[in-house]
Amino acid sequence: MAHCPECEAAIEIEDDIEEGAKLDCPDCGAELEVVNTNPVELDVISSGEEEEEDGTW
């Protein structure tokens, strides 16, 4: 299990996940990338809030 660096939500991670894999936080919608697999470490690519703001124009 890992935590979203944006909102700290717990995220289930598959045992065979690879570095560079991309996934979305189920709570805040942030797009995340796996930057380390042991231990699993995630980095924010784009936040869900930024995407919402971009779509309001």
PDB file of N, CA and C in Angstrom:
ATOM      1  N   MET A   1       0.842  -1.179   0.000  1.00  0.00           N
ATOM      2  CA  MET A   1       0.000   0.000   0.000  1.00  0.00           C
ATOM      3  C   MET A   1       0.888   1.245   0.000  1.00  0.00           C
ATOM      4  N   ALA A   2       0.448   2.247  -0.739  1.00  0.00           N
ATOM      5  CA  ALA A   2       1.169   3.514  -0.816  1.00  0.00           C
ATOM      6  C   ALA A   2       0.182   4.636  -0.491  1.00  0.00           C
ATOM      7  N   HIS A   3       0.703   5.836  -0.379  1.00  0.00           N
ATOM      8  CA  HIS A   3      -0.141   6.993  -0.089  1.00  0.00           C
ATOM      9  C   HIS A   3       0.048   8.058  -1.155  1.00  0.00           C
ATOM     10  N   CYS A   4      -1.046   8.696  -1.511  1.00  0.00           N
ATOM     11  CA  CYS A   4      -1.019   9.775  -2.487  1.00  0.00           C
ATOM     12  C   CYS A   4      -0.256  10.958  -1.901  1.00  0.00           C
ATOM     13  N   PRO A   5       0.746  11.469  -2.609  1.00  0.00           N
ATOM     14  CA  PRO A   5       1.493  12.619  -2.095  1.00  0.00           C
ATOM     15  C   PRO A   5       0.670  13.911  -2.115  1.00  0.00           C
ATOM     16  N   GLU A   6      -0.437  13.916  -2.843  1.00  0.00           N
ATOM     17  CA  GLU A   6      -1.288  15.101  -2.948  1.00  0.00           C
ATOM     18  C   GLU A   6      -2.276  15.190  -1.781  1.00  0.00           C
ATOM     19  N   CYS A   7      -2.954  14.066  -1.463  1.00  0.00           N
ATOM     20  CA  CYS A   7      -4.018  14.102  -0.447  1.00  0.00           C
ATOM     21  C   CYS A   7      -3.822  13.090   0.680  1.00  0.00           C
ATOM     22  N   GLU A   8      -2.749  12.287   0.602  1.00  0.00           N
ATOM     23  CA  GLU A   8      -2.414  11.284   1.620  1.00  0.00           C
ATOM     24  C   GLU A   8      -3.382  10.098   1.674  1.00  0.00           C
ATOM     25  N   ALA A   9      -4.230   9.921   0.669  1.00  0.00           N
ATOM     26  CA  ALA A   9      -5.143   8.773   0.631  1.00  0.00           C
ATOM     27  C   ALA A   9      -4.342   7.489   0.436  1.00  0.00           C
ATOM     28  N   ALA A  10      -4.793   6.411   1.069  1.00  0.00           N
ATOM     29  CA  ALA A  10      -4.162   5.109   0.893  1.00  0.00           C
ATOM     30  C   ALA A  10      -4.540   4.568  -0.481  1.00  0.00           C
ATOM     31  N   ILE A  11      -3.551   4.051  -1.203  1.00  0.00           N
ATOM     32  CA  ILE A  11      -3.768   3.527  -2.550  1.00  0.00           C
ATOM     33  C   ILE A  11      -3.247   2.098  -2.606  1.00  0.00           C
ATOM     34  N   GLU A  12      -4.117   1.179  -3.040  1.00  0.00           N
ATOM     35  CA  GLU A  12      -3.723  -0.215  -3.221  1.00  0.00           C
ATOM     36  C   GLU A  12      -2.811  -0.304  -4.434  1.00  0.00           C
ATOM     37  N   ILE A  13      -1.670  -0.945  -4.271  1.00  0.00           N
ATOM     38  CA  ILE A  13      -0.690  -1.091  -5.342  1.00  0.00           C
ATOM     39  C   ILE A  13      -0.454  -2.583  -5.565  1.00  0.00           C
ATOM     40  N   GLU A  14      -0.450  -3.009  -6.833  1.00  0.00           N
ATOM     41  CA  GLU A  14      -0.171  -4.403  -7.162  1.00  0.00           C
ATOM     42  C   GLU A  14       1.277  -4.742  -6.810  1.00  0.00           C
ATOM     43  N   ASP A  15       1.513  -5.995  -6.439  1.00  0.00           N
ATOM     44  CA  ASP A  15       2.855  -6.427  -6.045  1.00  0.00           C
ATOM     45  C   ASP A  15       3.862  -6.324  -7.180  1.00  0.00           C
ATOM     46  N   ASP A  16       3.403  -6.478  -8.424  1.00  0.00           N
ATOM     47  CA  ASP A  16       4.326  -6.498  -9.558  1.00  0.00           C
ATOM     48  C   ASP A  16       4.387  -5.160 -10.300  1.00  0.00           C
ATOM     49  N   ILE A  17       4.031  -4.067  -9.620  1.00  0.00           N
ATOM     50  CA  ILE A  17       4.061  -2.738 -10.252  1.00  0.00           C
ATOM     51  C   ILE A  17       5.500  -2.381 -10.605  1.00  0.00           C
ATOM     52  N   GLU A  18       5.677  -1.672 -11.715  1.00  0.00           N
ATOM     53  CA  GLU A  18       7.013  -1.293 -12.170  1.00  0.00           C
ATOM     54  C   GLU A  18       7.209   0.214 -12.077  1.00  0.00           C
ATOM     55  N   GLU A  19       8.463   0.633 -11.936  1.00  0.00           N
ATOM     56  CA  GLU A  19       8.773   2.060 -11.952  1.00  0.00           C
ATOM     57  C   GLU A  19       8.317   2.649 -13.279  1.00  0.00           C
ATOM     58  N   GLY A  20       7.762   3.844 -13.223  1.00  0.00           N
ATOM     59  CA  GLY A  20       7.280   4.510 -14.421  1.00  0.00           C
ATOM     60  C   GLY A  20       5.799   4.272 -14.677  1.00  0.00           C
ATOM     61  N   ALA A  21       5.191   3.328 -13.940  1.00  0.00           N
ATOM     62  CA  ALA A  21       3.766   3.068 -14.107  1.00  0.00           C
ATOM     63  C   ALA A  21       2.975   4.298 -13.671  1.00  0.00           C
ATOM     64  N   LYS A  22       1.871   4.549 -14.354  1.00  0.00           N
ATOM     65  CA  LYS A  22       1.032   5.702 -14.028  1.00  0.00           C
ATOM     66  C   LYS A  22      -0.310   5.218 -13.514  1.00  0.00           C
ATOM     67  N   LEU A  23      -0.848   5.945 -12.540  1.00  0.00           N
ATOM     68  CA  LEU A  23      -2.150   5.615 -11.982  1.00  0.00           C
ATOM     69  C   LEU A  23      -2.794   6.879 -11.449  1.00  0.00           C
ATOM     70  N   ASP A  24      -4.081   6.795 -11.146  1.00  0.00           N
ATOM     71  CA  ASP A  24      -4.825   7.940 -10.628  1.00  0.00           C
ATOM     72  C   ASP A  24      -5.226   7.685  -9.188  1.00  0.00           C
ATOM     73  N   CYS A  25      -5.185   8.727  -8.375  1.00  0.00           N
ATOM     74  CA  CYS A  25      -5.653   8.629  -6.997  1.00  0.00           C
ATOM     75  C   CYS A  25      -7.175   8.542  -7.027  1.00  0.00           C
ATOM     76  N   PRO A  26      -7.746   7.531  -6.371  1.00  0.00           N
ATOM     77  CA  PRO A  26      -9.199   7.399  -6.364  1.00  0.00           C
ATOM     78  C   PRO A  26      -9.900   8.493  -5.553  1.00  0.00           C
ATOM     79  N   ASP A  27      -9.191   9.165  -4.661  1.00  0.00           N
ATOM     80  CA  ASP A  27      -9.816  10.192  -3.826  1.00  0.00           C
ATOM     81  C   ASP A  27      -9.765  11.583  -4.453  1.00  0.00           C
ATOM     82  N   CYS A  28      -8.572  12.043  -4.850  1.00  0.00           N
ATOM     83  CA  CYS A  28      -8.446  13.426  -5.343  1.00  0.00           C
ATOM     84  C   CYS A  28      -8.304  13.514  -6.861  1.00  0.00           C
ATOM     85  N   GLY A  29      -8.081  12.383  -7.539  1.00  0.00           N
ATOM     86  CA  GLY A  29      -7.982  12.384  -8.990  1.00  0.00           C
ATOM     87  C   GLY A  29      -6.620  12.766  -9.528  1.00  0.00           C
ATOM     88  N   ALA A  30      -5.627  12.936  -8.659  1.00  0.00           N
ATOM     89  CA  ALA A  30      -4.287  13.301  -9.119  1.00  0.00           C
ATOM     90  C   ALA A  30      -3.700  12.176  -9.954  1.00  0.00           C
ATOM     91  N   GLU A  31      -2.998  12.538 -11.026  1.00  0.00           N
ATOM     92  CA  GLU A  31      -2.290  11.558 -11.843  1.00  0.00           C
ATOM     93  C   GLU A  31      -0.933  11.331 -11.192  1.00  0.00           C
ATOM     94  N   LEU A  32      -0.602  10.068 -10.921  1.00  0.00           N
ATOM     95  CA  LEU A  32       0.597   9.717 -10.176  1.00  0.00           C
ATOM     96  C   LEU A  32       1.497   8.807 -10.998  1.00  0.00           C
ATOM     97  N   GLU A  33       2.786   8.854 -10.703  1.00  0.00           N
ATOM     98  CA  GLU A  33       3.766   7.975 -11.338  1.00  0.00           C
ATOM     99  C   GLU A  33       4.545   7.259 -10.247  1.00  0.00           C
ATOM    100  N   VAL A  34       4.804   5.968 -10.452  1.00  0.00           N
ATOM    101  CA  VAL A  34       5.613   5.187  -9.528  1.00  0.00           C
ATOM    102  C   VAL A  34       7.072   5.534  -9.787  1.00  0.00           C
ATOM    103  N   VAL A  35       7.746   6.103  -8.782  1.00  0.00           N
ATOM    104  CA  VAL A  35       9.149   6.490  -8.936  1.00  0.00           C
ATOM    105  C   VAL A  35      10.093   5.542  -8.209  1.00  0.00           C
ATOM    106  N   ASN A  36       9.545   4.675  -7.365  1.00  0.00           N
ATOM    107  CA  ASN A  36      10.339   3.672  -6.667  1.00  0.00           C
ATOM    108  C   ASN A  36       9.409   2.515  -6.315  1.00  0.00           C
ATOM    109  N   THR A  37       9.929   1.288  -6.375  1.00  0.00           N
ATOM    110  CA  THR A  37       9.076   0.133  -6.090  1.00  0.00           C
ATOM    111  C   THR A  37       9.365  -0.533  -4.752  1.00  0.00           C
ATOM    112  N   ASN A  38      10.496  -0.229  -4.125  1.00  0.00           N
ATOM    113  CA  ASN A  38      10.801  -0.867  -2.851  1.00  0.00           C
ATOM    114  C   ASN A  38      11.507   0.115  -1.922  1.00  0.00           C
ATOM    115  N   PRO A  39      10.767   0.828  -1.092  1.00  0.00           N
ATOM    116  CA  PRO A  39       9.309   0.810  -0.957  1.00  0.00           C
ATOM    117  C   PRO A  39       8.643   1.597  -2.086  1.00  0.00           C
ATOM    118  N   VAL A  40       7.345   1.344  -2.266  1.00  0.00           N
ATOM    119  CA  VAL A  40       6.614   2.041  -3.322  1.00  0.00           C
ATOM    120  C   VAL A  40       6.539   3.525  -2.986  1.00  0.00           C
ATOM    121  N   GLU A  41       6.960   4.332  -3.942  1.00  0.00           N
ATOM    122  CA  GLU A  41       6.933   5.787  -3.782  1.00  0.00           C
ATOM    123  C   GLU A  41       6.267   6.390  -5.008  1.00  0.00           C
ATOM    124  N   LEU A  42       5.335   7.306  -4.779  1.00  0.00           N
ATOM    125  CA  LEU A  42       4.587   7.926  -5.860  1.00  0.00           C
ATOM    126  C   LEU A  42       4.918   9.403  -5.955  1.00  0.00           C
ATOM    127  N   ASP A  43       4.851   9.936  -7.176  1.00  0.00           N
ATOM    128  CA  ASP A  43       5.077  11.356  -7.409  1.00  0.00           C
ATOM    129  C   ASP A  43       3.900  11.887  -8.220  1.00  0.00           C
ATOM    130  N   VAL A  44       3.500  13.120  -7.963  1.00  0.00           N
ATOM    131  CA  VAL A  44       2.372  13.728  -8.663  1.00  0.00           C
ATOM    132  C   VAL A  44       2.812  14.202 -10.041  1.00  0.00           C
ATOM    133  N   ILE A  45       2.084  13.772 -11.076  1.00  0.00           N
ATOM    134  CA  ILE A  45       2.322  14.264 -12.434  1.00  0.00           C
ATOM    135  C   ILE A  45       1.450  15.496 -12.655  1.00  0.00           C
ATOM    136  N   SER A  46       0.167  15.369 -12.327  1.00  0.00           N
ATOM    137  CA  SER A  46      -0.756  16.514 -12.366  1.00  0.00           C
ATOM    138  C   SER A  46      -1.841  16.270 -11.328  1.00  0.00           C
ATOM    139  N   SER A  47      -2.273  17.336 -10.682  1.00  0.00           N
ATOM    140  CA  SER A  47      -3.281  17.185  -9.641  1.00  0.00           C
ATOM    141  C   SER A  47      -4.674  17.238 -10.240  1.00  0.00           C
ATOM    142  N   GLY A  48      -5.613  16.589  -9.596  1.00  0.00           N
ATOM    143  CA  GLY A  48      -6.994  16.598 -10.041  1.00  0.00           C
ATOM    144  C   GLY A  48      -7.585  17.989 -10.012  1.00  0.00           C
ATOM    145  N   GLU A  49      -7.171  18.826  -9.060  1.00  0.00           N
ATOM    146  CA  GLU A  49      -7.675  20.195  -8.951  1.00  0.00           C
ATOM    147  C   GLU A  49      -7.239  21.037 -10.137  1.00  0.00           C
ATOM    148  N   GLU A  50      -6.001  20.864 -10.624  1.00  0.00           N
ATOM    149  CA  GLU A  50      -5.512  21.609 -11.773  1.00  0.00           C
ATOM    150  C   GLU A  50      -6.327  21.293 -13.012  1.00  0.00           C
ATOM    151  N   GLU A  51      -6.674  20.009 -13.202  1.00  0.00           N
ATOM    152  CA  GLU A  51      -7.452  19.605 -14.362  1.00  0.00           C
ATOM    153  C   GLU A  51      -8.836  20.219 -14.323  1.00  0.00           C
ATOM    154  N   GLU A  52      -9.459  20.271 -13.132  1.00  0.00           N
ATOM    155  CA  GLU A  52     -10.783  20.870 -13.001  1.00  0.00           C
ATOM    156  C   GLU A  52     -10.725  22.348 -13.336  1.00  0.00           C
ATOM    157  N   GLU A  53      -9.699  23.058 -12.853  1.00  0.00           N
ATOM    158  CA  GLU A  53      -9.574  24.486 -13.117  1.00  0.00           C
ATOM    159  C   GLU A  53      -9.361  24.744 -14.606  1.00  0.00           C
ATOM    160  N   ASP A  54      -8.579  23.899 -15.276  1.00  0.00           N
ATOM    161  CA  ASP A  54      -8.313  24.068 -16.702  1.00  0.00           C
ATOM    162  C   ASP A  54      -9.582  23.923 -17.531  1.00  0.00           C
ATOM    163  N   GLY A  55     -10.525  23.112 -17.076  1.00  0.00           N
ATOM    164  CA  GLY A  55     -11.734  22.847 -17.853  1.00  0.00           C
ATOM    165  C   GLY A  55     -12.822  23.887 -17.687  1.00  0.00           C
ATOM    166  N   THR A  56     -12.601  24.942 -16.892  1.00  0.00           N
ATOM    167  CA  THR A  56     -13.651  25.921 -16.623  1.00  0.00           C
ATOM    168  C   THR A  56     -13.620  27.102 -17.572  1.00  0.00           C
ATOM    169  N   TRP A  57     -12.690  27.181 -18.499  1.00  0.00           N
ATOM    170  CA  TRP A  57     -12.596  28.320 -19.408  1.00  0.00           C
ATOM    171  C   TRP A  57     -13.663  28.285 -20.394  1.00  0.00           C
TER     172      TRP A  57
END
